[in-house]
Amino acid sequence: MMKVKGKKVSPKEIAEKIVQNIPNNELIERTEIAGPGFINIHLKRIFVSKLLSNLLVNGVQPPSLKKKKK
């Protein structure tokens, strides 16, 4: 989109703007920019632990369908 508007922006600059606009939340511990615009997202251990525990106890649970379709 930036290229269409005639603005030259490096992938790293775009990654920096994305990281700056990620709100604080209970899932993400930290983010870091790697290489030419790649974003590494590190999840909080508590969040991952809860997900894995739930998966081990309950197994894989497919999402429920609101309305059955034929």
Protein backbone atom coordinates (compact mmCIF):
# COMPACT_ATOMS: atom_id res chain seq x y z
CA MET A 1 0.00 0.00 0.00
CA MET A 2 2.84 2.35 0.81
CA LYS A 3 4.49 1.56 -2.53
CA VAL A 4 1.30 2.44 -4.41
CA LYS A 5 1.23 5.81 -2.65
CA GLY A 6 4.79 6.44 -3.83
CA LYS A 7 6.37 6.15 -0.39
CA LYS A 8 9.50 4.07 0.03
CA VAL A 9 9.44 2.30 3.36
CA SER A 10 11.70 -0.58 4.31
CA PRO A 11 10.19 -3.79 5.64
CA LYS A 12 12.00 -3.19 8.93
CA GLU A 13 10.29 0.20 9.34
CA ILE A 14 6.91 -1.38 8.68
CA ALA A 15 7.65 -4.09 11.26
CA GLU A 16 8.61 -1.41 13.80
CA LYS A 17 5.31 0.40 13.26
CA ILE A 18 3.37 -2.86 13.65
CA VAL A 19 5.18 -3.71 16.90
CA GLN A 20 4.56 -0.20 18.26
CA ASN A 21 0.82 -0.58 17.66
CA ILE A 22 0.38 -3.98 19.34
CA PRO A 23 -1.53 -3.24 22.56
CA ASN A 24 -0.43 -4.68 25.90
CA ASN A 25 -2.34 -7.87 26.59
CA GLU A 26 -2.28 -11.08 28.60
CA LEU A 27 -0.98 -13.22 25.71
CA ILE A 28 2.21 -11.53 24.50
CA GLU A 29 5.29 -11.32 26.70
CA ARG A 30 7.48 -9.46 24.22
CA THR A 31 8.10 -8.85 20.54
CA GLU A 32 11.30 -8.40 18.60
CA ILE A 33 12.12 -7.55 15.02
CA ALA A 34 14.43 -9.98 13.26
CA GLY A 35 16.01 -9.66 9.86
CA PRO A 36 14.31 -7.72 7.09
CA GLY A 37 10.95 -7.10 8.75
CA PHE A 38 10.16 -10.39 10.47
CA ILE A 39 8.40 -10.09 13.83
CA ASN A 40 9.03 -12.66 16.56
CA ILE A 41 6.22 -12.82 19.10
CA HIS A 42 6.97 -14.47 22.44
CA LEU A 43 3.88 -15.72 24.26
CA LYS A 44 3.57 -15.65 28.05
CA ARG A 45 4.30 -18.97 29.75
CA ILE A 46 1.07 -18.84 31.78
CA PHE A 47 -1.02 -18.52 28.61
CA VAL A 48 0.77 -21.39 26.83
CA SER A 49 0.67 -23.54 29.97
CA LYS A 50 -3.12 -23.13 30.28
CA LEU A 51 -3.63 -24.00 26.63
CA LEU A 52 -1.44 -27.10 26.82
CA SER A 53 -3.01 -28.27 30.08
CA ASN A 54 -6.48 -27.90 28.62
CA LEU A 55 -5.41 -29.78 25.51
CA LEU A 56 -3.89 -32.64 27.53
CA VAL A 57 -6.93 -32.96 29.82
CA ASN A 58 -9.72 -32.49 27.26
CA GLY A 59 -8.07 -33.45 23.99
CA VAL A 60 -8.75 -31.61 20.77
CA GLN A 61 -12.19 -30.02 20.84
CA PRO A 62 -13.57 -28.86 17.50
CA PRO A 63 -15.56 -25.63 17.65
CA SER A 64 -19.30 -26.07 17.99
CA LEU A 65 -21.45 -25.17 15.03
CA LYS A 66 -24.20 -22.67 15.71
CA LYS A 67 -26.50 -24.14 13.10
CA LYS A 68 -26.18 -27.58 11.57
CA LYS A 69 -25.68 -27.49 7.83
CA LYS A 70 -26.33 -30.19 5.27
